[in-house]
Amino acid sequence: MLFFANLIDGQHNAYDFLIRQLEQHGINVIACFGNDRQVLDTLLLDRDRRSRVDLVVAFSLKLYSAIDDDLRRALIDMNVPVLDAVNLYSNTIDAWRQDPIGIRPLEVVWTIAVPEMSGAAQPTPITGKIRLTDPDNGKRFSCTRPLRRR
């Protein structure tokens, strides 16, 4: 389950890479984007409310999802593990690896605590940002990249 920021032009390469990695290990991937509850109800649950998948890797299920009883019921109906896929927003990948604090306290609230209240388990940093410089104009920008050893 993807979040809208995962699909911004120039930022989706990390997610394309992760999908290819899962598929190379024989995992059938259904990439989903949209309202979390609607994605669960229409794409991941069948008409009898049985799960069509064995695992959910959720880059979404952050922000408002913990207070949504319908979404929580849909996750219960699925009865499969929900991996809380964490994108590192505050630090670059290298800074995160070197920082003894790790994920910043404010980020912990919405990347780990809120998804856990929704039913997601095992918060796992999967992607992060790197800073690059445009060779044509010298401007600095950030791109999302997968954490290679996850």
C-alpha atoms as a PDB file:
ATOM      1  CA  MET A   1       0.000   0.000   0.000  1.00  0.00           C
ATOM      2  CA  LEU A   2       1.589   3.205  -1.190  1.00  0.00           C
ATOM      3  CA  PHE A   3       1.234   6.768   0.044  1.00  0.00           C
ATOM      4  CA  PHE A   4       0.783   9.589  -2.485  1.00  0.00           C
ATOM      5  CA  ALA A   5       4.298  10.932  -1.875  1.00  0.00           C
ATOM      6  CA  ASN A   6       5.664   7.536  -2.968  1.00  0.00           C
ATOM      7  CA  LEU A   7       4.407   8.168  -6.505  1.00  0.00           C
ATOM      8  CA  ILE A   8       5.827  11.634  -7.182  1.00  0.00           C
ATOM      9  CA  ASP A   9       7.816  11.763 -10.407  1.00  0.00           C
ATOM     10  CA  GLY A  10      11.449  11.057  -9.634  1.00  0.00           C
ATOM     11  CA  GLN A  11      10.636   9.481  -6.250  1.00  0.00           C
ATOM     12  CA  HIS A  12       9.053   6.162  -7.246  1.00  0.00           C
ATOM     13  CA  ASN A  13      12.250   4.411  -8.347  1.00  0.00           C
ATOM     14  CA  ALA A  14      12.837   3.110  -4.818  1.00  0.00           C
ATOM     15  CA  TYR A  15       9.392   1.505  -4.751  1.00  0.00           C
ATOM     16  CA  ASP A  16       9.838   0.061  -8.244  1.00  0.00           C
ATOM     17  CA  PHE A  17      13.098  -1.487  -7.003  1.00  0.00           C
ATOM     18  CA  LEU A  18      11.402  -2.977  -3.922  1.00  0.00           C
ATOM     19  CA  ILE A  19       8.600  -4.461  -6.023  1.00  0.00           C
ATOM     20  CA  ARG A  20      11.151  -6.055  -8.385  1.00  0.00           C
ATOM     21  CA  GLN A  21      13.078  -7.473  -5.408  1.00  0.00           C
ATOM     22  CA  LEU A  22       9.940  -9.060  -3.958  1.00  0.00           C
ATOM     23  CA  GLU A  23       8.951 -10.480  -7.348  1.00  0.00           C
ATOM     24  CA  GLN A  24      12.440 -11.961  -7.833  1.00  0.00           C
ATOM     25  CA  HIS A  25      11.816 -13.921  -4.623  1.00  0.00           C
ATOM     26  CA  GLY A  26       8.605 -15.362  -6.041  1.00  0.00           C
ATOM     27  CA  ILE A  27       6.226 -12.973  -4.284  1.00  0.00           C
ATOM     28  CA  ASN A  28       3.201 -11.818  -6.262  1.00  0.00           C
ATOM     29  CA  VAL A  29       2.939  -8.058  -5.633  1.00  0.00           C
ATOM     30  CA  ILE A  30      -0.229  -5.972  -5.841  1.00  0.00           C
ATOM     31  CA  ALA A  31       0.817  -2.315  -5.631  1.00  0.00           C
ATOM     32  CA  CYS A  32      -2.100  -0.244  -4.305  1.00  0.00           C
ATOM     33  CA  PHE A  33      -2.699   3.452  -3.882  1.00  0.00           C
ATOM     34  CA  GLY A  34      -5.723   5.328  -2.606  1.00  0.00           C
ATOM     35  CA  ASN A  35      -7.857   5.739   0.463  1.00  0.00           C
ATOM     36  CA  ASP A  36      -6.570   3.062   2.843  1.00  0.00           C
ATOM     37  CA  ARG A  37      -9.970   1.624   3.747  1.00  0.00           C
ATOM     38  CA  GLN A  38     -11.152   1.576   0.132  1.00  0.00           C
ATOM     39  CA  VAL A  39      -7.937  -0.135  -0.963  1.00  0.00           C
ATOM     40  CA  LEU A  40      -8.464  -2.821   1.662  1.00  0.00           C
ATOM     41  CA  ASP A  41     -12.178  -3.236   0.935  1.00  0.00           C
ATOM     42  CA  THR A  42     -12.003  -3.237  -2.867  1.00  0.00           C
ATOM     43  CA  LEU A  43      -8.578  -4.614  -3.760  1.00  0.00           C
ATOM     44  CA  LEU A  44      -7.252  -6.695  -0.901  1.00  0.00           C
ATOM     45  CA  LEU A  45     -10.432  -8.288   0.479  1.00  0.00           C
ATOM     46  CA  ASP A  46     -12.755 -10.456  -1.620  1.00  0.00           C
ATOM     47  CA  ARG A  47     -16.564 -10.338  -1.493  1.00  0.00           C
ATOM     48  CA  ASP A  48     -16.593 -12.687   1.506  1.00  0.00           C
ATOM     49  CA  ARG A  49     -14.102 -10.362   3.259  1.00  0.00           C
ATOM     50  CA  ARG A  50     -11.286 -12.901   2.977  1.00  0.00           C
ATOM     51  CA  SER A  51      -7.834 -11.630   2.203  1.00  0.00           C
ATOM     52  CA  ARG A  52      -6.486 -11.912  -1.327  1.00  0.00           C
ATOM     53  CA  VAL A  53      -2.953 -11.485   0.022  1.00  0.00           C
ATOM     54  CA  ASP A  54      -0.699 -13.168   2.569  1.00  0.00           C
ATOM     55  CA  LEU A  55       1.038  -9.990   3.747  1.00  0.00           C
ATOM     56  CA  VAL A  56       0.534  -6.236   3.514  1.00  0.00           C
ATOM     57  CA  VAL A  57       3.576  -3.968   3.242  1.00  0.00           C
ATOM     58  CA  ALA A  58       2.167  -0.552   4.114  1.00  0.00           C
ATOM     59  CA  PHE A  59       3.889   2.719   3.337  1.00  0.00           C
ATOM     60  CA  SER A  60       0.479   4.203   4.082  1.00  0.00           C
ATOM     61  CA  LEU A  61      -1.550   3.473   7.254  1.00  0.00           C
ATOM     62  CA  LYS A  62       0.102   6.447   8.921  1.00  0.00           C
ATOM     63  CA  LEU A  63      -1.541   9.768   9.838  1.00  0.00           C
ATOM     64  CA  TYR A  64      -5.311   9.340  10.376  1.00  0.00           C
ATOM     65  CA  SER A  65      -5.697   5.573  10.137  1.00  0.00           C
ATOM     66  CA  ALA A  66      -5.444   4.778  13.853  1.00  0.00           C
ATOM     67  CA  ILE A  67      -8.709   6.510  14.624  1.00  0.00           C
ATOM     68  CA  ASP A  68     -10.672   4.887  11.806  1.00  0.00           C
ATOM     69  CA  ASP A  69     -12.720   1.968  13.160  1.00  0.00           C
ATOM     70  CA  ASP A  70     -13.768   0.832   9.651  1.00  0.00           C
ATOM     71  CA  LEU A  71     -10.144   0.575   8.584  1.00  0.00           C
ATOM     72  CA  ARG A  72      -9.260  -1.294  11.763  1.00  0.00           C
ATOM     73  CA  ARG A  73     -12.124  -3.755  11.098  1.00  0.00           C
ATOM     74  CA  ALA A  74     -10.887  -4.285   7.529  1.00  0.00           C
ATOM     75  CA  LEU A  75      -7.412  -5.120   8.843  1.00  0.00           C
ATOM     76  CA  ILE A  76      -8.921  -7.551  11.351  1.00  0.00           C
ATOM     77  CA  ASP A  77     -10.971  -9.178   8.560  1.00  0.00           C
ATOM     78  CA  MET A  78      -7.815  -9.595   6.462  1.00  0.00           C
ATOM     79  CA  ASN A  79      -6.132 -11.533   9.263  1.00  0.00           C
ATOM     80  CA  VAL A  80      -2.671 -11.240   7.720  1.00  0.00           C
ATOM     81  CA  PRO A  81       0.505  -9.563   8.982  1.00  0.00           C
ATOM     82  CA  VAL A  82       0.788  -5.863   8.165  1.00  0.00           C
ATOM     83  CA  LEU A  83       4.388  -4.687   7.884  1.00  0.00           C
ATOM     84  CA  ASP A  84       4.778  -0.995   8.732  1.00  0.00           C
ATOM     85  CA  ALA A  85       7.125   0.126   5.936  1.00  0.00           C
ATOM     86  CA  VAL A  86       8.932   3.221   7.173  1.00  0.00           C
ATOM     87  CA  ASN A  87      10.338   5.874   4.867  1.00  0.00           C
ATOM     88  CA  LEU A  88      12.984   7.941   6.645  1.00  0.00           C
ATOM     89  CA  TYR A  89      11.967  11.566   6.188  1.00  0.00           C
ATOM     90  CA  SER A  90      14.116  13.633   8.575  1.00  0.00           C
ATOM     91  CA  ASN A  91      17.596  12.296   7.934  1.00  0.00           C
ATOM     92  CA  THR A  92      19.419  11.013   4.922  1.00  0.00           C
ATOM     93  CA  ILE A  93      20.110   7.285   4.920  1.00  0.00           C
ATOM     94  CA  ASP A  94      23.750   7.829   5.931  1.00  0.00           C
ATOM     95  CA  ALA A  95      22.846  10.275   8.724  1.00  0.00           C
ATOM     96  CA  TRP A  96      20.223   7.831  10.059  1.00  0.00           C
ATOM     97  CA  ARG A  97      22.731   4.971  10.127  1.00  0.00           C
ATOM     98  CA  GLN A  98      25.237   7.083  12.073  1.00  0.00           C
ATOM     99  CA  ASP A  99      22.744   8.735  14.449  1.00  0.00           C
ATOM    100  CA  PRO A 100      22.511   7.044  17.887  1.00  0.00           C
ATOM    101  CA  ILE A 101      18.894   8.268  18.193  1.00  0.00           C
ATOM    102  CA  GLY A 102      17.815   6.721  14.886  1.00  0.00           C
ATOM    103  CA  ILE A 103      14.342   7.821  13.861  1.00  0.00           C
ATOM    104  CA  ARG A 104      13.564  11.281  15.230  1.00  0.00           C
ATOM    105  CA  PRO A 105      11.006  11.436  18.107  1.00  0.00           C
ATOM    106  CA  LEU A 106       8.393  13.366  16.126  1.00  0.00           C
ATOM    107  CA  GLU A 107       8.708  10.915  13.234  1.00  0.00           C
ATOM    108  CA  VAL A 108       8.243   7.993  15.643  1.00  0.00           C
ATOM    109  CA  VAL A 109       4.722   9.230  16.401  1.00  0.00           C
ATOM    110  CA  TRP A 110       3.377   9.002  12.851  1.00  0.00           C
ATOM    111  CA  THR A 111       5.668   6.358  11.350  1.00  0.00           C
ATOM    112  CA  ILE A 112       5.573   3.862  14.210  1.00  0.00           C
ATOM    113  CA  ALA A 113       3.041   4.664  16.966  1.00  0.00           C
ATOM    114  CA  VAL A 114       0.004   5.523  14.817  1.00  0.00           C
ATOM    115  CA  PRO A 115       0.412   2.516  12.475  1.00  0.00           C
ATOM    116  CA  GLU A 116       0.797   0.261  15.512  1.00  0.00           C
ATOM    117  CA  MET A 117      -2.541   1.527  16.853  1.00  0.00           C
ATOM    118  CA  SER A 118      -4.055   0.600  13.477  1.00  0.00           C
ATOM    119  CA  GLY A 119      -2.753  -2.945  13.704  1.00  0.00           C
ATOM    120  CA  ALA A 120       0.492  -2.693  11.738  1.00  0.00           C
ATOM    121  CA  ALA A 121       3.403  -4.612  13.202  1.00  0.00           C
ATOM    122  CA  GLN A 122       7.145  -4.674  12.827  1.00  0.00           C
ATOM    123  CA  PRO A 123       8.017  -1.089  11.879  1.00  0.00           C
ATOM    124  CA  THR A 124      10.819  -1.480   9.363  1.00  0.00           C
ATOM    125  CA  PRO A 125      12.790   1.315   7.707  1.00  0.00           C
ATOM    126  CA  ILE A 126      12.746   0.374   4.024  1.00  0.00           C
ATOM    127  CA  THR A 127      13.408   3.635   2.180  1.00  0.00           C
ATOM    128  CA  GLY A 128      15.116   6.916   2.913  1.00  0.00           C
ATOM    129  CA  LYS A 129      16.432   9.958   1.167  1.00  0.00           C
ATOM    130  CA  ILE A 130      19.748  10.913  -0.291  1.00  0.00           C
ATOM    131  CA  ARG A 131      20.839  14.423  -1.149  1.00  0.00           C
ATOM    132  CA  LEU A 132      22.071  15.099  -4.672  1.00  0.00           C
ATOM    133  CA  THR A 133      23.296  18.099  -6.628  1.00  0.00           C
ATOM    134  CA  ASP A 134      21.981  18.844 -10.107  1.00  0.00           C
ATOM    135  CA  PRO A 135      25.104  18.975 -12.324  1.00  0.00           C
ATOM    136  CA  ASP A 136      23.484  21.516 -14.656  1.00  0.00           C
ATOM    137  CA  ASN A 137      22.429  24.169 -12.153  1.00  0.00           C
ATOM    138  CA  GLY A 138      24.161  23.203  -8.895  1.00  0.00           C
ATOM    139  CA  LYS A 139      20.893  23.051  -6.935  1.00  0.00           C
ATOM    140  CA  ARG A 140      20.569  20.503  -4.113  1.00  0.00           C
ATOM    141  CA  PHE A 141      17.602  18.117  -3.959  1.00  0.00           C
ATOM    142  CA  SER A 142      16.560  14.886  -2.267  1.00  0.00           C
ATOM    143  CA  CYS A 143      15.530  11.560  -3.807  1.00  0.00           C
ATOM    144  CA  THR A 144      14.064   8.479  -2.159  1.00  0.00           C
ATOM    145  CA  ARG A 145      16.175   5.334  -2.318  1.00  0.00           C
ATOM    146  CA  PRO A 146      15.755   1.831  -0.871  1.00  0.00           C
ATOM    147  CA  LEU A 147      17.820   0.787   2.106  1.00  0.00           C
ATOM    148  CA  ARG A 148      19.738  -1.983   0.359  1.00  0.00           C
ATOM    149  CA  ARG A 149      20.221  -4.292   3.350  1.00  0.00           C
ATOM    150  CA  ARG A 150      16.619  -4.761   4.481  1.00  0.00           C
END
